[in-house]
Amino acid sequence: MSDVKKVAGYALFFLVLFSAINALVRHLGGDGLPWIAIPFAAVAMGVIVAVNFSI
């Protein structure tokens, strides 16, 4: 599997995870992250995980 597919897979996982956490925080009355920040954070985490674990 190519590195781009690994990063994309991890980024998609973190996108869903961060979106769910953010929705829960907002539902419980918190401010949460701005919605525009979530895709950037997900891609950054995808790159970090793919590089560090390089499965």
PDB file of N, CA and C in Angstrom:
ATOM      1  N   MET A   1       0.850  -1.182   0.000  1.00  0.00           N
ATOM      2  CA  MET A   1       0.000   0.000   0.000  1.00  0.00           C
ATOM      3  C   MET A   1       0.893   1.242   0.000  1.00  0.00           C
ATOM      4  N   SER A   2       0.536   2.207  -0.797  1.00  0.00           N
ATOM      5  CA  SER A   2       1.377   3.398  -0.905  1.00  0.00           C
ATOM      6  C   SER A   2       1.224   4.287   0.329  1.00  0.00           C
ATOM      7  N   ASP A   3       2.192   5.147   0.493  1.00  0.00           N
ATOM      8  CA  ASP A   3       2.188   6.044   1.654  1.00  0.00           C
ATOM      9  C   ASP A   3       1.012   7.006   1.619  1.00  0.00           C
ATOM     10  N   VAL A   4       0.624   7.432   0.431  1.00  0.00           N
ATOM     11  CA  VAL A   4      -0.497   8.368   0.308  1.00  0.00           C
ATOM     12  C   VAL A   4      -1.790   7.709   0.777  1.00  0.00           C
ATOM     13  N   LYS A   5      -1.975   6.439   0.438  1.00  0.00           N
ATOM     14  CA  LYS A   5      -3.175   5.729   0.877  1.00  0.00           C
ATOM     15  C   LYS A   5      -3.183   5.532   2.388  1.00  0.00           C
ATOM     16  N   LYS A   6      -2.008   5.284   2.977  1.00  0.00           N
ATOM     17  CA  LYS A   6      -1.926   5.148   4.431  1.00  0.00           C
ATOM     18  C   LYS A   6      -2.314   6.450   5.105  1.00  0.00           C
ATOM     19  N   VAL A   7      -1.738   7.554   4.641  1.00  0.00           N
ATOM     20  CA  VAL A   7      -2.038   8.860   5.227  1.00  0.00           C
ATOM     21  C   VAL A   7      -3.512   9.188   5.052  1.00  0.00           C
ATOM     22  N   ALA A   8      -4.064   8.905   3.872  1.00  0.00           N
ATOM     23  CA  ALA A   8      -5.473   9.190   3.628  1.00  0.00           C
ATOM     24  C   ALA A   8      -6.369   8.350   4.537  1.00  0.00           C
ATOM     25  N   GLY A   9      -6.023   7.109   4.728  1.00  0.00           N
ATOM     26  CA  GLY A   9      -6.813   6.250   5.607  1.00  0.00           C
ATOM     27  C   GLY A   9      -6.778   6.723   7.044  1.00  0.00           C
ATOM     28  N   TYR A  10      -5.589   7.020   7.543  1.00  0.00           N
ATOM     29  CA  TYR A  10      -5.480   7.527   8.909  1.00  0.00           C
ATOM     30  C   TYR A  10      -6.176   8.880   9.047  1.00  0.00           C
ATOM     31  N   ALA A  11      -6.028   9.751   8.042  1.00  0.00           N
ATOM     32  CA  ALA A  11      -6.672  11.060   8.097  1.00  0.00           C
ATOM     33  C   ALA A  11      -8.191  10.921   8.125  1.00  0.00           C
ATOM     34  N   LEU A  12      -8.730   9.997   7.355  1.00  0.00           N
ATOM     35  CA  LEU A  12     -10.173   9.776   7.369  1.00  0.00           C
ATOM     36  C   LEU A  12     -10.635   9.279   8.735  1.00  0.00           C
ATOM     37  N   PHE A  13      -9.868   8.365   9.323  1.00  0.00           N
ATOM     38  CA  PHE A  13     -10.192   7.875  10.664  1.00  0.00           C
ATOM     39  C   PHE A  13     -10.211   9.018  11.674  1.00  0.00           C
ATOM     40  N   PHE A  14      -9.163   9.861  11.653  1.00  0.00           N
ATOM     41  CA  PHE A  14      -9.099  10.959  12.616  1.00  0.00           C
ATOM     42  C   PHE A  14     -10.137  12.030  12.319  1.00  0.00           C
ATOM     43  N   LEU A  15     -10.513  12.203  11.057  1.00  0.00           N
ATOM     44  CA  LEU A  15     -11.571  13.155  10.719  1.00  0.00           C
ATOM     45  C   LEU A  15     -12.890  12.743  11.369  1.00  0.00           C
ATOM     46  N   VAL A  16     -13.230  11.470  11.249  1.00  0.00           N
ATOM     47  CA  VAL A  16     -14.461  10.963  11.873  1.00  0.00           C
ATOM     48  C   VAL A  16     -14.361  11.057  13.390  1.00  0.00           C
ATOM     49  N   LEU A  17     -13.213  10.663  13.943  1.00  0.00           N
ATOM     50  CA  LEU A  17     -13.033  10.695  15.392  1.00  0.00           C
ATOM     51  C   LEU A  17     -13.122  12.119  15.935  1.00  0.00           C
ATOM     52  N   PHE A  18     -12.393  13.052  15.338  1.00  0.00           N
ATOM     53  CA  PHE A  18     -12.399  14.435  15.823  1.00  0.00           C
ATOM     54  C   PHE A  18     -13.756  15.087  15.645  1.00  0.00           C
ATOM     55  N   SER A  19     -14.456  14.771  14.547  1.00  0.00           N
ATOM     56  CA  SER A  19     -15.785  15.332  14.335  1.00  0.00           C
ATOM     57  C   SER A  19     -16.770  14.838  15.392  1.00  0.00           C
ATOM     58  N   ALA A  20     -16.687  13.547  15.714  1.00  0.00           N
ATOM     59  CA  ALA A  20     -17.579  12.993  16.733  1.00  0.00           C
ATOM     60  C   ALA A  20     -17.291  13.595  18.105  1.00  0.00           C
ATOM     61  N   ILE A  21     -16.014  13.709  18.447  1.00  0.00           N
ATOM     62  CA  ILE A  21     -15.657  14.308  19.740  1.00  0.00           C
ATOM     63  C   ILE A  21     -16.105  15.761  19.795  1.00  0.00           C
ATOM     64  N   ASN A  22     -15.894  16.489  18.721  1.00  0.00           N
ATOM     65  CA  ASN A  22     -16.284  17.893  18.684  1.00  0.00           C
ATOM     66  C   ASN A  22     -17.805  18.043  18.792  1.00  0.00           C
ATOM     67  N   ALA A  23     -18.547  17.184  18.118  1.00  0.00           N
ATOM     68  CA  ALA A  23     -20.003  17.253  18.201  1.00  0.00           C
ATOM     69  C   ALA A  23     -20.472  16.944  19.627  1.00  0.00           C
ATOM     70  N   LEU A  24     -19.840  15.979  20.274  1.00  0.00           N
ATOM     71  CA  LEU A  24     -20.194  15.648  21.648  1.00  0.00           C
ATOM     72  C   LEU A  24     -19.883  16.804  22.592  1.00  0.00           C
ATOM     73  N   VAL A  25     -18.721  17.421  22.432  1.00  0.00           N
ATOM     74  CA  VAL A  25     -18.354  18.557  23.282  1.00  0.00           C
ATOM     75  C   VAL A  25     -19.345  19.697  23.093  1.00  0.00           C
ATOM     76  N   ARG A  26     -19.705  19.984  21.845  1.00  0.00           N
ATOM     77  CA  ARG A  26     -20.675  21.052  21.591  1.00  0.00           C
ATOM     78  C   ARG A  26     -22.054  20.700  22.135  1.00  0.00           C
ATOM     79  N   HIS A  27     -22.435  19.444  22.056  1.00  0.00           N
ATOM     80  CA  HIS A  27     -23.733  18.999  22.572  1.00  0.00           C
ATOM     81  C   HIS A  27     -23.797  19.158  24.090  1.00  0.00           C
ATOM     82  N   LEU A  28     -22.668  18.929  24.741  1.00  0.00           N
ATOM     83  CA  LEU A  28     -22.617  19.033  26.199  1.00  0.00           C
ATOM     84  C   LEU A  28     -22.424  20.465  26.684  1.00  0.00           C
ATOM     85  N   GLY A  29     -22.393  21.416  25.768  1.00  0.00           N
ATOM     86  CA  GLY A  29     -22.364  22.820  26.147  1.00  0.00           C
ATOM     87  C   GLY A  29     -21.004  23.486  26.045  1.00  0.00           C
ATOM     88  N   GLY A  30     -20.003  22.773  25.591  1.00  0.00           N
ATOM     89  CA  GLY A  30     -18.676  23.366  25.442  1.00  0.00           C
ATOM     90  C   GLY A  30     -18.547  24.111  24.128  1.00  0.00           C
ATOM     91  N   ASP A  31     -17.417  24.769  23.947  1.00  0.00           N
ATOM     92  CA  ASP A  31     -17.171  25.518  22.715  1.00  0.00           C
ATOM     93  C   ASP A  31     -16.671  24.613  21.601  1.00  0.00           C
ATOM     94  N   GLY A  32     -15.838  23.650  21.925  1.00  0.00           N
ATOM     95  CA  GLY A  32     -15.294  22.767  20.901  1.00  0.00           C
ATOM     96  C   GLY A  32     -14.331  23.504  19.991  1.00  0.00           C
ATOM     97  N   LEU A  33     -13.870  22.793  18.974  1.00  0.00           N
ATOM     98  CA  LEU A  33     -12.981  23.387  17.976  1.00  0.00           C
ATOM     99  C   LEU A  33     -13.808  24.051  16.887  1.00  0.00           C
ATOM    100  N   PRO A  34     -13.247  25.063  16.226  1.00  0.00           N
ATOM    101  CA  PRO A  34     -13.917  25.568  15.032  1.00  0.00           C
ATOM    102  C   PRO A  34     -13.960  24.452  13.985  1.00  0.00           C
ATOM    103  N   TRP A  35     -15.051  24.332  13.273  1.00  0.00           N
ATOM    104  CA  TRP A  35     -15.205  23.219  12.337  1.00  0.00           C
ATOM    105  C   TRP A  35     -14.152  23.226  11.243  1.00  0.00           C
ATOM    106  N   ILE A  36     -13.634  24.400  10.903  1.00  0.00           N
ATOM    107  CA  ILE A  36     -12.631  24.477   9.836  1.00  0.00           C
ATOM    108  C   ILE A  36     -11.301  23.867  10.274  1.00  0.00           C
ATOM    109  N   ALA A  37     -11.049  23.785  11.574  1.00  0.00           N
ATOM    110  CA  ALA A  37      -9.773  23.273  12.070  1.00  0.00           C
ATOM    111  C   ALA A  37      -9.711  21.749  12.049  1.00  0.00           C
ATOM    112  N   ILE A  38     -10.841  21.091  12.041  1.00  0.00           N
ATOM    113  CA  ILE A  38     -10.866  19.635  12.168  1.00  0.00           C
ATOM    114  C   ILE A  38     -10.199  18.916  10.987  1.00  0.00           C
ATOM    115  N   PRO A  39     -10.489  19.277   9.727  1.00  0.00           N
ATOM    116  CA  PRO A  39      -9.792  18.574   8.629  1.00  0.00           C
ATOM    117  C   PRO A  39      -8.272  18.748   8.661  1.00  0.00           C
ATOM    118  N   PHE A  40      -7.810  19.935   9.037  1.00  0.00           N
ATOM    119  CA  PHE A  40      -6.368  20.164   9.109  1.00  0.00           C
ATOM    120  C   PHE A  40      -5.747  19.337  10.226  1.00  0.00           C
ATOM    121  N   ALA A  41      -6.418  19.266  11.358  1.00  0.00           N
ATOM    122  CA  ALA A  41      -5.921  18.456  12.468  1.00  0.00           C
ATOM    123  C   ALA A  41      -5.923  16.973  12.093  1.00  0.00           C
ATOM    124  N   ALA A  42      -6.938  16.533  11.376  1.00  0.00           N
ATOM    125  CA  ALA A  42      -7.031  15.126  10.973  1.00  0.00           C
ATOM    126  C   ALA A  42      -5.906  14.757  10.007  1.00  0.00           C
ATOM    127  N   VAL A  43      -5.611  15.616   9.057  1.00  0.00           N
ATOM    128  CA  VAL A  43      -4.529  15.339   8.108  1.00  0.00           C
ATOM    129  C   VAL A  43      -3.184  15.344   8.831  1.00  0.00           C
ATOM    130  N   ALA A  44      -2.998  16.294   9.742  1.00  0.00           N
ATOM    131  CA  ALA A  44      -1.746  16.337  10.502  1.00  0.00           C
ATOM    132  C   ALA A  44      -1.568  15.066  11.327  1.00  0.00           C
ATOM    133  N   MET A  45      -2.609  14.618  11.994  1.00  0.00           N
ATOM    134  CA  MET A  45      -2.514  13.392  12.776  1.00  0.00           C
ATOM    135  C   MET A  45      -2.300  12.181  11.872  1.00  0.00           C
ATOM    136  N   GLY A  46      -2.931  12.174  10.701  1.00  0.00           N
ATOM    137  CA  GLY A  46      -2.728  11.081   9.751  1.00  0.00           C
ATOM    138  C   GLY A  46      -1.282  10.970   9.303  1.00  0.00           C
ATOM    139  N   VAL A  47      -0.656  12.106   9.049  1.00  0.00           N
ATOM    140  CA  VAL A  47       0.753  12.109   8.650  1.00  0.00           C
ATOM    141  C   VAL A  47       1.629  11.643   9.808  1.00  0.00           C
ATOM    142  N   ILE A  48       1.348  12.143  11.011  1.00  0.00           N
ATOM    143  CA  ILE A  48       2.149  11.765  12.178  1.00  0.00           C
ATOM    144  C   ILE A  48       2.064  10.264  12.433  1.00  0.00           C
ATOM    145  N   VAL A  49       0.863   9.717  12.402  1.00  0.00           N
ATOM    146  CA  VAL A  49       0.693   8.293  12.674  1.00  0.00           C
ATOM    147  C   VAL A  49       1.326   7.453  11.567  1.00  0.00           C
ATOM    148  N   ALA A  50       1.133   7.842  10.316  1.00  0.00           N
ATOM    149  CA  ALA A  50       1.694   7.055   9.206  1.00  0.00           C
ATOM    150  C   ALA A  50       3.218   7.072   9.245  1.00  0.00           C
ATOM    151  N   VAL A  51       3.814   8.188   9.608  1.00  0.00           N
ATOM    152  CA  VAL A  51       5.268   8.271   9.661  1.00  0.00           C
ATOM    153  C   VAL A  51       5.816   7.517  10.862  1.00  0.00           C
ATOM    154  N   ASN A  52       5.179   7.664  12.012  1.00  0.00           N
ATOM    155  CA  ASN A  52       5.714   7.036  13.228  1.00  0.00           C
ATOM    156  C   ASN A  52       5.513   5.520  13.261  1.00  0.00           C
ATOM    157  N   PHE A  53       4.384   5.053  12.776  1.00  0.00           N
ATOM    158  CA  PHE A  53       4.117   3.618  12.838  1.00  0.00           C
ATOM    159  C   PHE A  53       4.474   2.909  11.548  1.00  0.00           C
ATOM    160  N   SER A  54       4.505   3.621  10.448  1.00  0.00           N
ATOM    161  CA  SER A  54       4.854   3.115   9.113  1.00  0.00           C
ATOM    162  C   SER A  54       4.535   1.629   8.936  1.00  0.00           C
ATOM    163  N   ILE A  55       3.254   1.336   9.091  1.00  0.00           N
ATOM    164  CA  ILE A  55       2.771  -0.047   8.966  1.00  0.00           C
ATOM    165  C   ILE A  55       2.648  -0.387   7.481  1.00  0.00           C
TER     166      ILE A  55
END
